[in-house]
N, C-alpha and C. Protein backbone atom coordinates (compact mmCIF):
# COMPACT_ATOMS: atom_id res chain seq x y z
N MET A 1 151.41 85.06 128.64
CA MET A 1 150.42 85.99 129.15
C MET A 1 149.56 86.56 128.02
N ALA A 2 150.22 86.95 126.93
CA ALA A 2 149.48 87.51 125.79
C ALA A 2 148.55 86.47 125.20
N ARG A 3 149.00 85.22 125.19
CA ARG A 3 148.16 84.15 124.63
C ARG A 3 146.91 83.95 125.50
N ALA A 4 147.07 83.98 126.82
CA ALA A 4 145.93 83.83 127.73
C ALA A 4 144.94 84.97 127.53
N LEU A 5 145.44 86.20 127.36
CA LEU A 5 144.56 87.33 127.12
C LEU A 5 143.83 87.18 125.78
N ARG A 6 144.54 86.69 124.78
CA ARG A 6 143.95 86.51 123.46
C ARG A 6 142.84 85.45 123.52
N ILE A 7 143.11 84.34 124.21
CA ILE A 7 142.09 83.28 124.34
C ILE A 7 140.90 83.81 125.13
N SER A 8 141.16 84.54 126.22
CA SER A 8 140.07 85.13 127.01
C SER A 8 139.25 86.09 126.16
N GLY A 9 139.94 86.88 125.37
CA GLY A 9 139.25 87.82 124.47
C GLY A 9 138.38 87.10 123.46
N ASN A 10 138.89 86.00 122.88
CA ASN A 10 138.10 85.24 121.91
C ASN A 10 136.87 84.61 122.55
N VAL A 11 137.03 84.05 123.74
CA VAL A 11 135.88 83.48 124.46
C VAL A 11 134.86 84.58 124.74
N LEU A 12 135.33 85.72 125.19
CA LEU A 12 134.45 86.84 125.49
C LEU A 12 133.71 87.32 124.25
N VAL A 13 134.42 87.38 123.12
CA VAL A 13 133.79 87.81 121.87
C VAL A 13 132.64 86.86 121.52
N TRP A 14 132.86 85.56 121.64
CA TRP A 14 131.80 84.59 121.33
C TRP A 14 130.63 84.71 122.31
N LEU A 15 130.93 84.88 123.59
CA LEU A 15 129.85 85.05 124.56
C LEU A 15 129.05 86.31 124.28
N LEU A 16 129.74 87.39 123.94
CA LEU A 16 129.05 88.63 123.61
C LEU A 16 128.23 88.49 122.34
N ALA A 17 128.72 87.73 121.39
CA ALA A 17 127.96 87.49 120.16
C ALA A 17 126.66 86.75 120.47
N ILE A 18 126.74 85.77 121.35
CA ILE A 18 125.54 85.01 121.74
C ILE A 18 124.56 85.92 122.49
N VAL A 19 125.08 86.68 123.45
CA VAL A 19 124.23 87.61 124.21
C VAL A 19 123.63 88.66 123.27
N GLY A 20 124.43 89.14 122.35
CA GLY A 20 123.94 90.13 121.39
C GLY A 20 122.85 89.58 120.49
N ALA A 21 123.02 88.35 120.01
CA ALA A 21 121.99 87.72 119.18
C ALA A 21 120.70 87.51 119.98
N ALA A 22 120.83 87.04 121.23
CA ALA A 22 119.65 86.85 122.08
C ALA A 22 118.96 88.19 122.35
N SER A 23 119.75 89.24 122.60
CA SER A 23 119.18 90.57 122.83
C SER A 23 118.44 91.07 121.60
N ALA A 24 119.02 90.85 120.43
CA ALA A 24 118.37 91.27 119.19
C ALA A 24 117.05 90.53 118.98
N LEU A 25 117.02 89.24 119.31
CA LEU A 25 115.78 88.47 119.19
C LEU A 25 114.71 88.99 120.16
N VAL A 26 115.11 89.26 121.40
CA VAL A 26 114.15 89.77 122.39
C VAL A 26 113.66 91.16 121.96
N TRP A 27 114.58 92.01 121.50
CA TRP A 27 114.19 93.34 121.04
C TRP A 27 113.21 93.24 119.87
N GLY A 28 113.52 92.39 118.90
CA GLY A 28 112.63 92.21 117.75
C GLY A 28 111.28 91.66 118.18
N GLY A 29 111.29 90.65 119.07
CA GLY A 29 110.04 90.08 119.56
C GLY A 29 109.21 91.10 120.31
N THR A 30 109.90 92.00 121.04
CA THR A 30 109.19 93.05 121.77
C THR A 30 108.57 94.06 120.81
N ARG A 31 109.35 94.47 119.81
CA ARG A 31 108.85 95.44 118.83
C ARG A 31 107.68 94.89 118.03
N LEU A 32 107.70 93.57 117.76
CA LEU A 32 106.62 92.95 116.99
C LEU A 32 105.43 92.53 117.86
N GLY A 33 105.54 92.69 119.18
CA GLY A 33 104.44 92.38 120.07
C GLY A 33 104.33 90.92 120.46
N TYR A 34 105.40 90.15 120.26
CA TYR A 34 105.38 88.74 120.65
C TYR A 34 105.73 88.52 122.12
N VAL A 35 106.56 89.39 122.67
CA VAL A 35 106.97 89.28 124.08
C VAL A 35 107.04 90.67 124.69
N LYS A 36 106.98 90.70 126.04
CA LYS A 36 107.15 91.95 126.78
C LYS A 36 107.96 91.63 128.03
N PRO A 37 109.26 91.99 128.03
CA PRO A 37 110.07 91.77 129.24
C PRO A 37 109.74 92.83 130.29
N LEU A 38 109.57 92.38 131.54
CA LEU A 38 109.23 93.28 132.64
C LEU A 38 110.14 93.01 133.83
N VAL A 39 110.59 94.07 134.48
CA VAL A 39 111.36 93.95 135.71
C VAL A 39 110.39 94.13 136.88
N VAL A 40 110.36 93.17 137.79
CA VAL A 40 109.44 93.22 138.94
C VAL A 40 110.01 94.18 139.98
N ILE A 41 109.21 95.18 140.34
CA ILE A 41 109.70 96.22 141.26
C ILE A 41 109.01 96.21 142.61
N SER A 42 108.08 95.27 142.84
CA SER A 42 107.44 95.20 144.15
C SER A 42 107.31 93.75 144.58
N GLY A 43 107.01 93.56 145.86
CA GLY A 43 106.89 92.21 146.40
C GLY A 43 105.47 91.71 146.48
N SER A 44 104.56 92.28 145.70
CA SER A 44 103.15 91.93 145.82
C SER A 44 102.83 90.52 145.34
N MET A 45 103.73 89.87 144.61
CA MET A 45 103.49 88.50 144.13
C MET A 45 104.42 87.49 144.79
N GLU A 46 105.14 87.92 145.83
CA GLU A 46 106.05 86.99 146.51
C GLU A 46 105.26 85.93 147.26
N PRO A 47 105.74 84.72 147.37
CA PRO A 47 107.06 84.24 147.01
C PRO A 47 107.17 83.69 145.59
N GLY A 48 106.08 83.66 144.83
CA GLY A 48 106.13 83.10 143.47
C GLY A 48 106.95 83.93 142.51
N ILE A 49 106.75 85.22 142.52
CA ILE A 49 107.50 86.17 141.68
C ILE A 49 108.12 87.18 142.64
N MET A 50 109.44 87.21 142.69
CA MET A 50 110.15 88.02 143.67
C MET A 50 110.54 89.38 143.09
N THR A 51 110.71 90.36 143.98
CA THR A 51 111.23 91.66 143.59
C THR A 51 112.60 91.46 142.94
N GLY A 52 112.82 92.09 141.79
CA GLY A 52 114.09 91.97 141.08
C GLY A 52 114.10 90.87 140.04
N ASP A 53 113.04 90.09 139.93
CA ASP A 53 112.97 89.07 138.88
C ASP A 53 112.70 89.72 137.53
N LEU A 54 113.06 89.04 136.47
CA LEU A 54 112.72 89.44 135.11
C LEU A 54 111.62 88.49 134.65
N VAL A 55 110.50 89.06 134.23
CA VAL A 55 109.37 88.28 133.74
C VAL A 55 109.21 88.59 132.27
N VAL A 56 109.14 87.55 131.45
CA VAL A 56 108.91 87.73 130.02
C VAL A 56 107.48 87.28 129.73
N ASP A 57 106.64 88.25 129.35
CA ASP A 57 105.23 87.99 129.09
C ASP A 57 104.99 87.75 127.60
N ARG A 58 103.89 87.05 127.34
CA ARG A 58 103.44 86.83 125.96
C ARG A 58 101.96 87.19 125.90
N PRO A 59 101.46 87.53 124.71
CA PRO A 59 100.03 87.84 124.61
C PRO A 59 99.19 86.59 124.89
N TYR A 60 98.06 86.79 125.54
CA TYR A 60 97.17 85.68 125.90
C TYR A 60 95.73 86.14 125.67
N PRO A 61 94.90 85.30 125.06
CA PRO A 61 93.51 85.71 124.79
C PRO A 61 92.73 85.93 126.10
N THR A 62 92.12 87.07 126.22
CA THR A 62 91.36 87.39 127.43
C THR A 62 90.21 86.40 127.62
N ALA A 63 89.61 85.93 126.53
CA ALA A 63 88.49 84.99 126.62
C ALA A 63 88.89 83.69 127.31
N GLU A 64 90.20 83.34 127.29
CA GLU A 64 90.67 82.10 127.91
C GLU A 64 91.19 82.32 129.34
N LEU A 65 91.15 83.55 129.79
CA LEU A 65 91.65 83.90 131.12
C LEU A 65 90.70 83.33 132.18
N THR A 66 91.27 82.67 133.20
CA THR A 66 90.44 82.11 134.28
C THR A 66 90.96 82.61 135.63
N VAL A 67 90.09 82.54 136.61
CA VAL A 67 90.46 82.92 137.97
C VAL A 67 91.64 82.04 138.40
N GLY A 68 92.66 82.68 138.95
CA GLY A 68 93.86 81.97 139.38
C GLY A 68 95.03 82.14 138.42
N ASP A 69 94.75 82.52 137.16
CA ASP A 69 95.83 82.81 136.21
C ASP A 69 96.56 84.07 136.64
N VAL A 70 97.79 84.23 136.19
CA VAL A 70 98.54 85.47 136.42
C VAL A 70 98.52 86.26 135.12
N ALA A 71 98.22 87.55 135.22
CA ALA A 71 98.16 88.42 134.04
C ALA A 71 98.87 89.73 134.33
N SER A 72 99.38 90.35 133.28
CA SER A 72 100.02 91.66 133.37
C SER A 72 99.17 92.64 132.58
N ILE A 73 98.64 93.66 133.29
CA ILE A 73 97.71 94.60 132.67
C ILE A 73 98.12 96.01 133.07
N ARG A 74 98.04 96.94 132.09
CA ARG A 74 98.38 98.35 132.37
C ARG A 74 97.25 99.00 133.15
N SER A 75 97.63 99.68 134.21
CA SER A 75 96.67 100.41 135.04
C SER A 75 96.34 101.74 134.39
N ASP A 76 95.05 102.03 134.25
CA ASP A 76 94.63 103.34 133.75
C ASP A 76 94.89 104.44 134.77
N VAL A 77 94.99 104.06 136.05
CA VAL A 77 95.19 105.03 137.12
C VAL A 77 96.66 105.47 137.19
N THR A 78 97.58 104.51 137.23
CA THR A 78 99.00 104.84 137.41
C THR A 78 99.81 104.78 136.12
N GLY A 79 99.32 104.07 135.11
CA GLY A 79 100.08 103.89 133.87
C GLY A 79 101.08 102.75 133.96
N ASP A 80 101.24 102.15 135.14
CA ASP A 80 102.18 101.04 135.34
C ASP A 80 101.54 99.73 134.88
N ILE A 81 102.38 98.77 134.54
CA ILE A 81 101.90 97.43 134.24
C ILE A 81 101.90 96.65 135.54
N ILE A 82 100.75 96.08 135.88
CA ILE A 82 100.56 95.35 137.12
C ILE A 82 100.51 93.86 136.79
N THR A 83 101.35 93.07 137.43
CA THR A 83 101.33 91.62 137.27
C THR A 83 100.80 91.01 138.55
N HIS A 84 99.55 90.55 138.50
CA HIS A 84 98.88 89.96 139.66
C HIS A 84 98.04 88.77 139.21
N ARG A 85 97.50 88.07 140.18
CA ARG A 85 96.66 86.91 139.92
C ARG A 85 95.22 87.38 139.63
N VAL A 86 94.56 86.72 138.67
CA VAL A 86 93.19 87.07 138.29
C VAL A 86 92.23 86.62 139.40
N ALA A 87 91.44 87.58 139.91
CA ALA A 87 90.45 87.29 140.94
C ALA A 87 89.06 87.15 140.33
N ALA A 88 88.82 87.85 139.21
CA ALA A 88 87.54 87.77 138.51
C ALA A 88 87.74 88.29 137.09
N VAL A 89 86.98 87.72 136.15
CA VAL A 89 87.00 88.19 134.77
C VAL A 89 85.57 88.12 134.23
N THR A 90 85.13 89.26 133.67
CA THR A 90 83.75 89.36 133.21
C THR A 90 83.71 89.99 131.82
N ALA A 91 82.96 89.35 130.91
CA ALA A 91 82.76 89.92 129.57
C ALA A 91 81.78 91.08 129.68
N LEU A 92 82.10 92.19 129.02
CA LEU A 92 81.23 93.36 129.03
C LEU A 92 80.47 93.45 127.70
N PRO A 93 79.32 94.12 127.67
CA PRO A 93 78.50 94.18 126.45
C PRO A 93 79.20 94.81 125.25
N ASP A 94 80.15 95.70 125.49
CA ASP A 94 80.82 96.37 124.36
C ASP A 94 81.98 95.55 123.78
N GLY A 95 82.16 94.31 124.23
CA GLY A 95 83.22 93.45 123.70
C GLY A 95 84.52 93.52 124.47
N THR A 96 84.59 94.36 125.48
CA THR A 96 85.78 94.42 126.33
C THR A 96 85.56 93.49 127.53
N TRP A 97 86.57 93.44 128.37
CA TRP A 97 86.53 92.56 129.55
C TRP A 97 86.89 93.36 130.78
N ALA A 98 86.22 93.05 131.90
CA ALA A 98 86.56 93.64 133.20
C ALA A 98 87.32 92.57 133.97
N VAL A 99 88.55 92.93 134.39
CA VAL A 99 89.40 91.97 135.10
C VAL A 99 89.75 92.57 136.46
N ASN A 100 89.54 91.77 137.50
CA ASN A 100 89.98 92.15 138.84
C ASN A 100 91.20 91.32 139.19
N LEU A 101 92.20 91.97 139.79
CA LEU A 101 93.47 91.32 140.12
C LEU A 101 93.74 91.41 141.62
N LYS A 102 94.59 90.51 142.09
CA LYS A 102 95.04 90.53 143.48
C LYS A 102 96.46 89.97 143.55
N GLY A 103 97.34 90.69 144.19
CA GLY A 103 98.69 90.19 144.41
C GLY A 103 98.68 89.08 145.45
N ASP A 104 99.49 88.05 145.25
CA ASP A 104 99.53 86.91 146.19
C ASP A 104 99.87 87.35 147.61
N ALA A 105 100.71 88.37 147.75
CA ALA A 105 101.14 88.82 149.08
C ALA A 105 100.22 89.90 149.64
N ASN A 106 99.21 90.31 148.88
CA ASN A 106 98.29 91.36 149.32
C ASN A 106 97.08 90.75 150.03
N ASP A 107 96.52 91.48 151.00
CA ASP A 107 95.34 91.02 151.72
C ASP A 107 94.05 91.23 150.93
N ALA A 108 94.04 92.23 150.05
CA ALA A 108 92.81 92.58 149.33
C ALA A 108 93.09 92.68 147.83
N GLN A 109 92.00 92.63 147.06
CA GLN A 109 92.10 92.83 145.62
C GLN A 109 92.56 94.25 145.33
N ASP A 110 93.11 94.44 144.12
CA ASP A 110 93.48 95.78 143.68
C ASP A 110 92.23 96.65 143.69
N GLY A 111 92.38 97.93 143.96
CA GLY A 111 91.26 98.85 144.00
C GLY A 111 90.69 99.16 142.63
N GLU A 112 91.42 98.87 141.60
CA GLU A 112 91.02 99.20 140.24
C GLU A 112 90.47 97.95 139.54
N THR A 113 89.39 98.13 138.77
CA THR A 113 88.93 97.09 137.85
C THR A 113 89.54 97.44 136.50
N TYR A 114 90.29 96.50 135.94
CA TYR A 114 91.01 96.73 134.69
C TYR A 114 90.10 96.37 133.52
N VAL A 115 89.92 97.31 132.60
CA VAL A 115 89.12 97.05 131.41
C VAL A 115 90.10 96.82 130.26
N VAL A 116 90.01 95.61 129.65
CA VAL A 116 90.97 95.22 128.62
C VAL A 116 90.24 94.75 127.36
N GLY A 117 91.01 94.64 126.29
CA GLY A 117 90.48 94.17 125.01
C GLY A 117 90.61 92.66 124.88
N ASP A 118 90.89 92.22 123.67
CA ASP A 118 90.92 90.78 123.35
C ASP A 118 92.11 90.04 123.94
N THR A 119 93.19 90.76 124.27
CA THR A 119 94.37 90.07 124.80
C THR A 119 94.91 90.79 126.03
N VAL A 120 95.54 90.00 126.87
CA VAL A 120 96.30 90.52 128.02
C VAL A 120 97.69 89.90 127.91
N TRP A 121 98.59 90.35 128.76
CA TRP A 121 99.93 89.76 128.81
C TRP A 121 99.96 88.75 129.94
N GLN A 122 100.63 87.63 129.67
CA GLN A 122 100.74 86.59 130.69
C GLN A 122 102.19 86.11 130.77
N PRO A 123 102.73 85.96 131.99
CA PRO A 123 104.12 85.51 132.12
C PRO A 123 104.34 84.13 131.50
N ALA A 124 105.35 84.06 130.65
CA ALA A 124 105.74 82.79 130.03
C ALA A 124 107.07 82.30 130.59
N LEU A 125 107.88 83.23 131.12
CA LEU A 125 109.21 82.90 131.63
C LEU A 125 109.54 83.86 132.77
N ARG A 126 110.12 83.30 133.83
CA ARG A 126 110.60 84.12 134.95
C ARG A 126 112.07 83.80 135.15
N VAL A 127 112.90 84.85 135.14
CA VAL A 127 114.33 84.69 135.39
C VAL A 127 114.61 85.29 136.77
N ALA A 128 114.89 84.41 137.74
CA ALA A 128 115.12 84.85 139.11
C ALA A 128 116.31 85.80 139.16
N GLY A 129 116.10 87.01 139.66
CA GLY A 129 117.16 88.01 139.79
C GLY A 129 117.57 88.66 138.48
N GLY A 130 116.97 88.26 137.38
CA GLY A 130 117.35 88.79 136.07
C GLY A 130 117.08 90.28 135.91
N GLY A 131 116.05 90.76 136.57
CA GLY A 131 115.75 92.19 136.50
C GLY A 131 116.81 93.03 137.18
N LYS A 132 117.32 92.55 138.33
CA LYS A 132 118.39 93.27 139.04
C LYS A 132 119.64 93.35 138.17
N VAL A 133 119.97 92.23 137.52
CA VAL A 133 121.15 92.21 136.65
C VAL A 133 120.97 93.18 135.49
N LEU A 134 119.81 93.14 134.86
CA LEU A 134 119.53 94.02 133.72
C LEU A 134 119.60 95.49 134.11
N VAL A 135 119.00 95.84 135.24
CA VAL A 135 119.02 97.24 135.71
C VAL A 135 120.45 97.67 136.02
N THR A 136 121.23 96.80 136.65
CA THR A 136 122.61 97.13 137.00
C THR A 136 123.46 97.33 135.75
N LEU A 137 123.33 96.44 134.78
CA LEU A 137 124.15 96.53 133.56
C LEU A 137 123.81 97.75 132.70
N THR A 138 122.61 98.29 132.86
CA THR A 138 122.23 99.44 132.03
C THR A 138 122.50 100.78 132.71
N ARG A 139 123.01 100.76 133.95
CA ARG A 139 123.41 102.02 134.60
C ARG A 139 124.67 102.54 133.91
N PRO A 140 124.73 103.85 133.61
CA PRO A 140 125.91 104.41 132.95
C PRO A 140 127.21 104.15 133.72
N THR A 141 127.15 104.13 135.05
CA THR A 141 128.37 103.92 135.84
C THR A 141 128.91 102.50 135.69
N VAL A 142 128.09 101.59 135.21
CA VAL A 142 128.53 100.22 134.95
C VAL A 142 128.71 100.00 133.46
N ALA A 143 127.77 100.48 132.66
CA ALA A 143 127.77 100.21 131.22
C ALA A 143 128.99 100.80 130.51
N VAL A 144 129.37 102.04 130.84
CA VAL A 144 130.49 102.69 130.15
C VAL A 144 131.81 101.99 130.44
N PRO A 145 132.19 101.76 131.71
CA PRO A 145 133.45 101.04 131.95
C PRO A 145 133.43 99.61 131.38
N LEU A 146 132.29 98.96 131.45
CA LEU A 146 132.18 97.62 130.90
C LEU A 146 132.39 97.63 129.38
N ALA A 147 131.80 98.60 128.70
CA ALA A 147 131.97 98.71 127.25
C ALA A 147 133.43 98.99 126.88
N LEU A 148 134.09 99.85 127.64
CA LEU A 148 135.50 100.15 127.37
C LEU A 148 136.38 98.92 127.60
N THR A 149 136.11 98.18 128.66
CA THR A 149 136.87 96.96 128.95
C THR A 149 136.65 95.92 127.86
N LEU A 150 135.40 95.74 127.47
CA LEU A 150 135.10 94.77 126.41
C LEU A 150 135.75 95.17 125.08
N GLY A 151 135.76 96.47 124.80
CA GLY A 151 136.42 96.95 123.58
C GLY A 151 137.92 96.67 123.61
N ALA A 152 138.54 96.88 124.77
CA ALA A 152 139.98 96.61 124.90
C ALA A 152 140.27 95.12 124.73
N LEU A 153 139.45 94.25 125.34
CA LEU A 153 139.65 92.81 125.18
C LEU A 153 139.43 92.37 123.74
N LEU A 154 138.46 92.99 123.08
CA LEU A 154 138.24 92.68 121.67
C LEU A 154 139.46 93.06 120.85
N GLY A 155 140.02 94.24 121.13
CA GLY A 155 141.22 94.67 120.42
C GLY A 155 142.39 93.72 120.65
N ILE A 156 142.57 93.27 121.88
CA ILE A 156 143.65 92.32 122.18
C ILE A 156 143.42 91.00 121.46
N SER A 157 142.17 90.57 121.39
CA SER A 157 141.89 89.28 120.74
C SER A 157 142.15 89.34 119.23
N LEU A 158 142.17 90.54 118.66
CA LEU A 158 142.40 90.68 117.22
C LEU A 158 143.87 90.84 116.86
N LEU A 159 144.74 90.95 117.87
CA LEU A 159 146.17 91.06 117.60
C LEU A 159 146.67 89.77 116.94
N PRO A 160 147.63 89.88 116.02
CA PRO A 160 148.14 88.65 115.39
C PRO A 160 148.89 87.80 116.42
N ALA A 161 148.78 86.51 116.24
CA ALA A 161 149.45 85.57 117.14
C ALA A 161 150.96 85.63 116.89
N SER A 162 151.75 85.40 117.93
CA SER A 162 153.20 85.38 117.76
C SER A 162 153.72 84.02 118.21
N ASP A 163 154.86 83.64 117.60
CA ASP A 163 155.52 82.40 118.00
C ASP A 163 156.33 82.74 119.24
N GLU A 164 155.99 82.14 120.37
CA GLU A 164 156.62 82.50 121.63
C GLU A 164 158.11 82.16 121.65
N ARG A 165 158.58 81.20 120.82
CA ARG A 165 160.00 80.83 120.82
C ARG A 165 160.84 81.88 120.11
N THR A 166 160.34 82.41 118.99
CA THR A 166 161.14 83.35 118.20
C THR A 166 160.72 84.79 118.41
N GLY A 167 159.50 85.01 118.92
CA GLY A 167 159.00 86.37 119.08
C GLY A 167 158.45 86.94 117.80
N ARG A 168 158.50 86.16 116.70
CA ARG A 168 157.98 86.63 115.41
C ARG A 168 156.47 86.41 115.35
N HIS A 169 155.81 87.29 114.62
CA HIS A 169 154.38 87.14 114.41
C HIS A 169 154.13 86.01 113.43
N ALA A 170 153.23 85.13 113.75
CA ALA A 170 152.93 83.99 112.90
C ALA A 170 152.35 84.43 111.57
N ALA A 171 151.70 85.58 111.53
CA ALA A 171 151.07 86.04 110.29
C ALA A 171 152.11 86.60 109.31
N LEU A 172 153.32 86.91 109.79
CA LEU A 172 154.35 87.47 108.91
C LEU A 172 155.27 86.36 108.42
N PRO A 173 155.65 86.40 107.14
CA PRO A 173 156.54 85.35 106.61
C PRO A 173 157.97 85.50 107.17
N GLU A 174 158.67 84.40 107.25
CA GLU A 174 160.07 84.42 107.65
C GLU A 174 160.88 85.09 106.55
N LYS A 175 161.99 85.76 106.91
CA LYS A 175 162.86 86.36 105.90
C LYS A 175 163.77 85.27 105.36
N ALA A 176 163.88 85.24 104.09
CA ALA A 176 164.76 84.25 103.45
C ALA A 176 166.03 84.98 102.98
N VAL A 177 167.16 84.33 103.19
CA VAL A 177 168.43 84.87 102.74
C VAL A 177 168.94 83.95 101.64
N ALA A 178 169.24 84.54 100.51
CA ALA A 178 169.72 83.73 99.37
C ALA A 178 171.18 83.36 99.61
N ALA A 179 171.51 82.11 99.39
CA ALA A 179 172.90 81.63 99.55
C ALA A 179 173.69 82.04 98.32
N PRO A 180 174.99 82.44 98.49
CA PRO A 180 175.81 82.85 97.32
C PRO A 180 176.18 81.69 96.44
């Protein structure tokens, strides 16, 4: 039983190391402006992008944006980031761009014309249901017990191995008795 727990703990440690490294890369990419992970909270883009999906956006040149592309732009009205399909894009005299968006599931274009600079965010990766998982794992009622359980399994995985036949720890030397 102890051996099974130890093996499970070791597998878990490696999986957590991989998840931790991936999380660090995403965090670093986010801080440096290479990616922007977003959790989809409405059904305005269904069925292509579903509520609860995780969308990872990357910067995209506004000058290359065309009608039909999907873009994520911050609303000046609500402060939220809106991910919708481009309905129109127009260069303005001051060097900015006017972008009109429409959700695939919506009957009409958004009421706001979004004024943006040289880049917008565009989805590069969609993880179906990933947003729901991320939101659930970050709730304190889930995160705290999960962290305690993972800590306990890590502690068990670090226990020295024992020889099941003798009950002695493999890391400890056998006692030698000198013959008279």
